[in-house]
Amino acid sequence: MGFTSSVVVSSFLCLAAFAALSAHAADPEEIRDFAPPANNAIPNASYFTFDGLRNIDVKQGQFANVTNANVNDFPALSGLGVANALLVYPPGSVNVPHTHPRGTETLFILEGTLEVGLIDTTQPVPVLFTQTLYKDDIFVFPRGLVHFQINKGKKTARAYASFSSTNPGLVSLPRTLFGVNIDEEVLTKSFEVSADIIRKLSAVQPF
């Protein structure tokens, strides 16, 4: 097993424990049909429309392009318990291992092929489930569990994600573990690697 694989496996195990401690509070129940616009303005059709997925700027590179439509960008979702995102995966790009502490995600493949992975932490030893998804397939990532996607094909893949929360949250493994200046000794002992390796991982400004 190469260095990268070792770090990824170790990261999965670390985040599996971390995710188990994540908050699992559901969205508060909305007692109205919908939340009114700010300043109690009279709503119109535009209030219920989100056009932020039109003509998005797709960046080529090693990471997937994610455009969110959650309560922060689409106020009409407030209290409704849903959010969405459009994901575009250039060839070879990855949506890094991460978790959504406040929402379950369903991923619908619009175009192309994706490899996805999900870590089951209900067993004494975490189990990795992987699947190849094709156009029109749907995969579910339960709330709080670590998951990822990668486009191993030669064509761009596109997917639409729906969440069971207006703001499902995002905990990125690379950014959380190597982007916040955790004590170097903690990481070297946790992953059983040298300080030089930890410094290299921290220096790349992970996604």
C-alpha atoms as a PDB file:
ATOM      1  CA  MET A   1       0.000   0.000   0.000  1.00  0.00           C
ATOM      2  CA  GLY A   2       1.477   3.368  -1.026  1.00  0.00           C
ATOM      3  CA  PHE A   3       1.822   6.447   1.121  1.00  0.00           C
ATOM      4  CA  THR A   4      -1.304   8.137  -0.267  1.00  0.00           C
ATOM      5  CA  SER A   5      -3.450   5.048   0.298  1.00  0.00           C
ATOM      6  CA  SER A   6      -2.141   4.674   3.846  1.00  0.00           C
ATOM      7  CA  VAL A   7      -2.977   8.262   4.681  1.00  0.00           C
ATOM      8  CA  VAL A   8      -6.443   7.989   3.134  1.00  0.00           C
ATOM      9  CA  VAL A   9      -7.240   4.801   5.083  1.00  0.00           C
ATOM     10  CA  SER A  10      -5.976   6.355   8.289  1.00  0.00           C
ATOM     11  CA  SER A  11      -8.010   9.478   7.571  1.00  0.00           C
ATOM     12  CA  PHE A  12     -11.144   7.387   7.072  1.00  0.00           C
ATOM     13  CA  LEU A  13     -10.706   5.725  10.449  1.00  0.00           C
ATOM     14  CA  CYS A  14      -9.992   9.022  12.153  1.00  0.00           C
ATOM     15  CA  LEU A  15     -13.014  10.745  10.657  1.00  0.00           C
ATOM     16  CA  ALA A  16     -15.244   7.752  11.384  1.00  0.00           C
ATOM     17  CA  ALA A  17     -14.652   8.333  15.060  1.00  0.00           C
ATOM     18  CA  PHE A  18     -15.004  12.091  14.601  1.00  0.00           C
ATOM     19  CA  ALA A  19     -18.268  11.731  12.698  1.00  0.00           C
ATOM     20  CA  ALA A  20     -19.758   9.615  15.444  1.00  0.00           C
ATOM     21  CA  LEU A  21     -19.520  12.662  17.693  1.00  0.00           C
ATOM     22  CA  SER A  22     -21.083  15.019  15.140  1.00  0.00           C
ATOM     23  CA  ALA A  23     -24.306  16.806  15.969  1.00  0.00           C
ATOM     24  CA  HIS A  24     -27.392  14.964  14.762  1.00  0.00           C
ATOM     25  CA  ALA A  25     -30.040  17.540  15.579  1.00  0.00           C
ATOM     26  CA  ALA A  26     -32.739  17.753  12.950  1.00  0.00           C
ATOM     27  CA  ASP A  27     -33.961  21.034  11.483  1.00  0.00           C
ATOM     28  CA  PRO A  28     -36.528  22.755  13.696  1.00  0.00           C
ATOM     29  CA  GLU A  29     -40.100  22.117  12.611  1.00  0.00           C
ATOM     30  CA  GLU A  30     -41.601  24.923  10.543  1.00  0.00           C
ATOM     31  CA  ILE A  31     -45.077  25.777  11.851  1.00  0.00           C
ATOM     32  CA  ARG A  32     -45.782  28.010   8.842  1.00  0.00           C
ATOM     33  CA  ASP A  33     -46.145  26.997   5.210  1.00  0.00           C
ATOM     34  CA  PHE A  34     -42.881  28.837   4.503  1.00  0.00           C
ATOM     35  CA  ALA A  35     -40.678  31.515   5.977  1.00  0.00           C
ATOM     36  CA  PRO A  36     -41.535  34.998   4.657  1.00  0.00           C
ATOM     37  CA  PRO A  37     -38.927  37.187   2.933  1.00  0.00           C
ATOM     38  CA  ALA A  38     -36.753  39.487   5.001  1.00  0.00           C
ATOM     39  CA  ASN A  39     -38.489  42.522   6.466  1.00  0.00           C
ATOM     40  CA  ASN A  40     -41.811  40.712   5.932  1.00  0.00           C
ATOM     41  CA  ALA A  41     -41.896  41.763   2.294  1.00  0.00           C
ATOM     42  CA  ILE A  42     -44.655  40.295   0.165  1.00  0.00           C
ATOM     43  CA  PRO A  43     -43.297  37.155  -1.579  1.00  0.00           C
ATOM     44  CA  ASN A  44     -43.491  36.690  -5.335  1.00  0.00           C
ATOM     45  CA  ALA A  45     -42.420  33.919  -7.709  1.00  0.00           C
ATOM     46  CA  SER A  46     -38.835  35.162  -7.716  1.00  0.00           C
ATOM     47  CA  TYR A  47     -38.601  34.519  -3.964  1.00  0.00           C
ATOM     48  CA  PHE A  48     -39.181  30.810  -4.616  1.00  0.00           C
ATOM     49  CA  THR A  49     -36.756  30.667  -7.563  1.00  0.00           C
ATOM     50  CA  PHE A  50     -33.006  29.962  -7.416  1.00  0.00           C
ATOM     51  CA  ASP A  51     -31.067  30.587 -10.633  1.00  0.00           C
ATOM     52  CA  GLY A  52     -27.566  30.123  -9.243  1.00  0.00           C
ATOM     53  CA  LEU A  53     -27.057  26.875 -11.154  1.00  0.00           C
ATOM     54  CA  ARG A  54     -27.256  28.533 -14.553  1.00  0.00           C
ATOM     55  CA  ASN A  55     -24.052  28.843 -16.547  1.00  0.00           C
ATOM     56  CA  ILE A  56     -21.748  27.988 -13.664  1.00  0.00           C
ATOM     57  CA  ASP A  57     -18.022  28.468 -14.161  1.00  0.00           C
ATOM     58  CA  VAL A  58     -16.535  24.969 -14.240  1.00  0.00           C
ATOM     59  CA  LYS A  59     -12.891  24.897 -13.174  1.00  0.00           C
ATOM     60  CA  GLN A  60     -10.684  22.129 -14.521  1.00  0.00           C
ATOM     61  CA  GLY A  61      -8.470  20.435 -11.963  1.00  0.00           C
ATOM     62  CA  GLN A  62      -8.283  17.729  -9.340  1.00  0.00           C
ATOM     63  CA  PHE A  63     -11.361  18.783  -7.354  1.00  0.00           C
ATOM     64  CA  ALA A  64     -15.049  18.619  -8.183  1.00  0.00           C
ATOM     65  CA  ASN A  65     -16.959  21.874  -8.694  1.00  0.00           C
ATOM     66  CA  VAL A  66     -19.744  22.229  -6.117  1.00  0.00           C
ATOM     67  CA  THR A  67     -22.446  24.905  -6.389  1.00  0.00           C
ATOM     68  CA  ASN A  68     -24.751  24.941  -3.369  1.00  0.00           C
ATOM     69  CA  ALA A  69     -28.396  25.912  -3.143  1.00  0.00           C
ATOM     70  CA  ASN A  70     -28.942  25.933   0.610  1.00  0.00           C
ATOM     71  CA  VAL A  71     -30.595  28.341   3.016  1.00  0.00           C
ATOM     72  CA  ASN A  72     -27.569  30.636   2.921  1.00  0.00           C
ATOM     73  CA  ASP A  73     -28.020  31.205  -0.828  1.00  0.00           C
ATOM     74  CA  PHE A  74     -31.747  30.491  -1.177  1.00  0.00           C
ATOM     75  CA  PRO A  75     -33.674  32.005   1.786  1.00  0.00           C
ATOM     76  CA  ALA A  76     -36.992  30.493   0.676  1.00  0.00           C
ATOM     77  CA  LEU A  77     -35.672  27.125   1.931  1.00  0.00           C
ATOM     78  CA  SER A  78     -35.639  28.363   5.531  1.00  0.00           C
ATOM     79  CA  GLY A  79     -37.526  25.902   7.717  1.00  0.00           C
ATOM     80  CA  LEU A  80     -38.386  23.561   4.845  1.00  0.00           C
ATOM     81  CA  GLY A  81     -35.745  20.942   5.679  1.00  0.00           C
ATOM     82  CA  VAL A  82     -34.183  20.639   2.204  1.00  0.00           C
ATOM     83  CA  ALA A  83     -31.133  21.874   0.304  1.00  0.00           C
ATOM     84  CA  ASN A  84     -29.521  21.067  -3.043  1.00  0.00           C
ATOM     85  CA  ALA A  85     -26.232  21.231  -4.898  1.00  0.00           C
ATOM     86  CA  LEU A  86     -24.968  20.775  -8.432  1.00  0.00           C
ATOM     87  CA  LEU A  87     -21.663  18.920  -8.719  1.00  0.00           C
ATOM     88  CA  VAL A  88     -19.511  18.912 -11.845  1.00  0.00           C
ATOM     89  CA  TYR A  89     -16.560  16.508 -11.958  1.00  0.00           C
ATOM     90  CA  PRO A  90     -13.922  17.127 -14.644  1.00  0.00           C
ATOM     91  CA  PRO A  91     -12.041  13.962 -15.672  1.00  0.00           C
ATOM     92  CA  GLY A  92      -9.864  12.741 -12.809  1.00  0.00           C
ATOM     93  CA  SER A  93     -11.400  15.055 -10.220  1.00  0.00           C
ATOM     94  CA  VAL A  94     -12.479  14.071  -6.721  1.00  0.00           C
ATOM     95  CA  ASN A  95     -14.971  15.289  -4.161  1.00  0.00           C
ATOM     96  CA  VAL A  96     -12.738  14.687  -1.157  1.00  0.00           C
ATOM     97  CA  PRO A  97     -13.749  12.486   1.803  1.00  0.00           C
ATOM     98  CA  HIS A  98     -16.199  14.502   3.885  1.00  0.00           C
ATOM     99  CA  THR A  99     -19.360  14.311   5.958  1.00  0.00           C
ATOM    100  CA  HIS A 100     -22.568  16.299   6.371  1.00  0.00           C
ATOM    101  CA  PRO A 101     -23.312  16.398  10.113  1.00  0.00           C
ATOM    102  CA  ARG A 102     -26.861  17.728   9.763  1.00  0.00           C
ATOM    103  CA  GLY A 103     -28.283  16.081   6.660  1.00  0.00           C
ATOM    104  CA  THR A 104     -28.611  12.900   4.591  1.00  0.00           C
ATOM    105  CA  GLU A 105     -27.574  13.286   0.944  1.00  0.00           C
ATOM    106  CA  THR A 106     -29.005  11.616  -2.148  1.00  0.00           C
ATOM    107  CA  LEU A 107     -26.864  11.918  -5.268  1.00  0.00           C
ATOM    108  CA  PHE A 108     -28.514  11.666  -8.711  1.00  0.00           C
ATOM    109  CA  ILE A 109     -26.189  11.173 -11.679  1.00  0.00           C
ATOM    110  CA  LEU A 110     -27.101  13.514 -14.530  1.00  0.00           C
ATOM    111  CA  GLU A 111     -24.245  12.720 -16.888  1.00  0.00           C
ATOM    112  CA  GLY A 112     -21.171  10.498 -16.995  1.00  0.00           C
ATOM    113  CA  THR A 113     -19.879   7.875 -14.584  1.00  0.00           C
ATOM    114  CA  LEU A 114     -18.768   8.236 -10.969  1.00  0.00           C
ATOM    115  CA  GLU A 115     -17.067   6.036  -8.406  1.00  0.00           C
ATOM    116  CA  VAL A 116     -18.467   6.674  -4.929  1.00  0.00           C
ATOM    117  CA  GLY A 117     -17.504   5.487  -1.473  1.00  0.00           C
ATOM    118  CA  LEU A 118     -19.295   5.386   1.876  1.00  0.00           C
ATOM    119  CA  ILE A 119     -17.898   4.445   5.295  1.00  0.00           C
ATOM    120  CA  ASP A 120     -20.251   2.445   7.528  1.00  0.00           C
ATOM    121  CA  THR A 121     -19.429   3.127  11.190  1.00  0.00           C
ATOM    122  CA  THR A 122     -22.200   0.976  12.698  1.00  0.00           C
ATOM    123  CA  GLN A 123     -19.854  -2.024  12.790  1.00  0.00           C
ATOM    124  CA  PRO A 124     -17.036  -2.521  15.359  1.00  0.00           C
ATOM    125  CA  VAL A 125     -14.583  -1.982  12.478  1.00  0.00           C
ATOM    126  CA  PRO A 126     -15.535   0.651   9.860  1.00  0.00           C
ATOM    127  CA  VAL A 127     -16.548  -0.818   6.483  1.00  0.00           C
ATOM    128  CA  LEU A 128     -16.011   0.860   3.114  1.00  0.00           C
ATOM    129  CA  PHE A 129     -18.777   0.477   0.499  1.00  0.00           C
ATOM    130  CA  THR A 130     -17.900   1.458  -3.072  1.00  0.00           C
ATOM    131  CA  GLN A 131     -20.074   1.625  -6.168  1.00  0.00           C
ATOM    132  CA  THR A 132     -19.848   2.689  -9.803  1.00  0.00           C
ATOM    133  CA  LEU A 133     -22.733   4.969 -10.713  1.00  0.00           C
ATOM    134  CA  TYR A 134     -24.073   5.650 -14.189  1.00  0.00           C
ATOM    135  CA  LYS A 135     -26.490   8.187 -15.670  1.00  0.00           C
ATOM    136  CA  ASP A 136     -29.846   8.184 -13.813  1.00  0.00           C
ATOM    137  CA  ASP A 137     -28.477   6.213 -10.823  1.00  0.00           C
ATOM    138  CA  ILE A 138     -29.106   7.428  -7.267  1.00  0.00           C
ATOM    139  CA  PHE A 139     -26.904   6.794  -4.224  1.00  0.00           C
ATOM    140  CA  VAL A 140     -27.700   7.775  -0.634  1.00  0.00           C
ATOM    141  CA  PHE A 141     -25.132   8.956   1.928  1.00  0.00           C
ATOM    142  CA  PRO A 142     -26.695   8.799   5.423  1.00  0.00           C
ATOM    143  CA  ARG A 143     -26.256  11.814   7.672  1.00  0.00           C
ATOM    144  CA  GLY A 144     -22.897  12.074   9.398  1.00  0.00           C
ATOM    145  CA  LEU A 145     -21.154   9.247   7.518  1.00  0.00           C
ATOM    146  CA  VAL A 146     -17.902   9.779   5.610  1.00  0.00           C
ATOM    147  CA  HIS A 147     -18.226   9.613   1.820  1.00  0.00           C
ATOM    148  CA  PHE A 148     -16.495  10.697  -1.386  1.00  0.00           C
ATOM    149  CA  GLN A 149     -16.764  10.623  -5.184  1.00  0.00           C
ATOM    150  CA  ILE A 150     -14.185  10.434  -7.956  1.00  0.00           C
ATOM    151  CA  ASN A 151     -14.477  10.660 -11.740  1.00  0.00           C
ATOM    152  CA  LYS A 152     -12.102   8.065 -13.182  1.00  0.00           C
ATOM    153  CA  GLY A 153     -13.484   8.477 -16.676  1.00  0.00           C
ATOM    154  CA  LYS A 154     -12.314  10.611 -19.578  1.00  0.00           C
ATOM    155  CA  LYS A 155     -15.487  12.705 -19.771  1.00  0.00           C
ATOM    156  CA  THR A 156     -17.003  15.255 -17.400  1.00  0.00           C
ATOM    157  CA  ALA A 157     -19.597  13.875 -14.988  1.00  0.00           C
ATOM    158  CA  ARG A 158     -22.459  15.861 -13.477  1.00  0.00           C
ATOM    159  CA  ALA A 159     -24.636  15.053 -10.474  1.00  0.00           C
ATOM    160  CA  TYR A 160     -27.406  16.683  -8.481  1.00  0.00           C
ATOM    161  CA  ALA A 161     -27.421  16.344  -4.701  1.00  0.00           C
ATOM    162  CA  SER A 162     -30.412  16.755  -2.409  1.00  0.00           C
ATOM    163  CA  PHE A 163     -30.140  17.061   1.357  1.00  0.00           C
ATOM    164  CA  SER A 164     -32.583  16.463   4.210  1.00  0.00           C
ATOM    165  CA  SER A 165     -31.634  19.761   5.861  1.00  0.00           C
ATOM    166  CA  THR A 166     -31.713  23.411   4.845  1.00  0.00           C
ATOM    167  CA  ASN A 167     -28.065  23.608   5.936  1.00  0.00           C
ATOM    168  CA  PRO A 168     -26.515  20.096   6.069  1.00  0.00           C
ATOM    169  CA  GLY A 169     -23.043  21.338   6.934  1.00  0.00           C
ATOM    170  CA  LEU A 170     -19.720  20.137   5.554  1.00  0.00           C
ATOM    171  CA  VAL A 171     -16.723  18.596   7.323  1.00  0.00           C
ATOM    172  CA  SER A 172     -13.859  18.017   4.874  1.00  0.00           C
ATOM    173  CA  LEU A 173     -11.336  15.418   6.081  1.00  0.00           C
ATOM    174  CA  PRO A 174      -8.246  16.958   4.472  1.00  0.00           C
ATOM    175  CA  ARG A 175      -9.101  20.498   5.555  1.00  0.00           C
ATOM    176  CA  THR A 176     -10.164  19.459   9.049  1.00  0.00           C
ATOM    177  CA  LEU A 177      -7.145  17.280   9.752  1.00  0.00           C
ATOM    178  CA  PHE A 178      -4.370  19.148   7.954  1.00  0.00           C
ATOM    179  CA  GLY A 179      -5.620  22.677   7.417  1.00  0.00           C
ATOM    180  CA  VAL A 180      -6.215  23.984  10.950  1.00  0.00           C
ATOM    181  CA  ASN A 181      -2.763  23.648  12.548  1.00  0.00           C
ATOM    182  CA  ILE A 182      -3.442  20.667  14.808  1.00  0.00           C
ATOM    183  CA  ASP A 183      -0.450  19.988  17.041  1.00  0.00           C
ATOM    184  CA  GLU A 184       2.075  18.133  14.882  1.00  0.00           C
ATOM    185  CA  GLU A 185       2.710  15.551  17.592  1.00  0.00           C
ATOM    186  CA  VAL A 186      -0.986  14.659  17.673  1.00  0.00           C
ATOM    187  CA  LEU A 187      -0.985  13.925  13.942  1.00  0.00           C
ATOM    188  CA  THR A 188       2.341  12.067  13.809  1.00  0.00           C
ATOM    189  CA  LYS A 189       1.243   9.747  16.620  1.00  0.00           C
ATOM    190  CA  SER A 190      -2.285   9.331  15.262  1.00  0.00           C
ATOM    191  CA  PHE A 191      -1.155   8.372  11.750  1.00  0.00           C
ATOM    192  CA  GLU A 192       2.184   6.817  12.759  1.00  0.00           C
ATOM    193  CA  VAL A 193       4.096   8.819  10.174  1.00  0.00           C
ATOM    194  CA  SER A 194       7.005  11.244  10.358  1.00  0.00           C
ATOM    195  CA  ALA A 195       6.682  14.957  11.046  1.00  0.00           C
ATOM    196  CA  ASP A 196       7.969  15.653   7.511  1.00  0.00           C
ATOM    197  CA  ILE A 197       4.963  13.887   6.004  1.00  0.00           C
ATOM    198  CA  ILE A 198       2.554  15.843   8.212  1.00  0.00           C
ATOM    199  CA  ARG A 199       4.238  19.102   7.191  1.00  0.00           C
ATOM    200  CA  LYS A 200       3.912  18.228   3.505  1.00  0.00           C
ATOM    201  CA  LEU A 201       0.218  17.434   3.878  1.00  0.00           C
ATOM    202  CA  SER A 202      -0.380  20.631   5.835  1.00  0.00           C
ATOM    203  CA  ALA A 203       1.538  22.737   3.321  1.00  0.00           C
ATOM    204  CA  VAL A 204      -0.603  21.860   0.321  1.00  0.00           C
ATOM    205  CA  GLN A 205      -3.660  23.750   1.632  1.00  0.00           C
ATOM    206  CA  PRO A 206      -6.010  20.753   1.192  1.00  0.00           C
ATOM    207  CA  PHE A 207      -9.524  21.265  -0.155  1.00  0.00           C
END
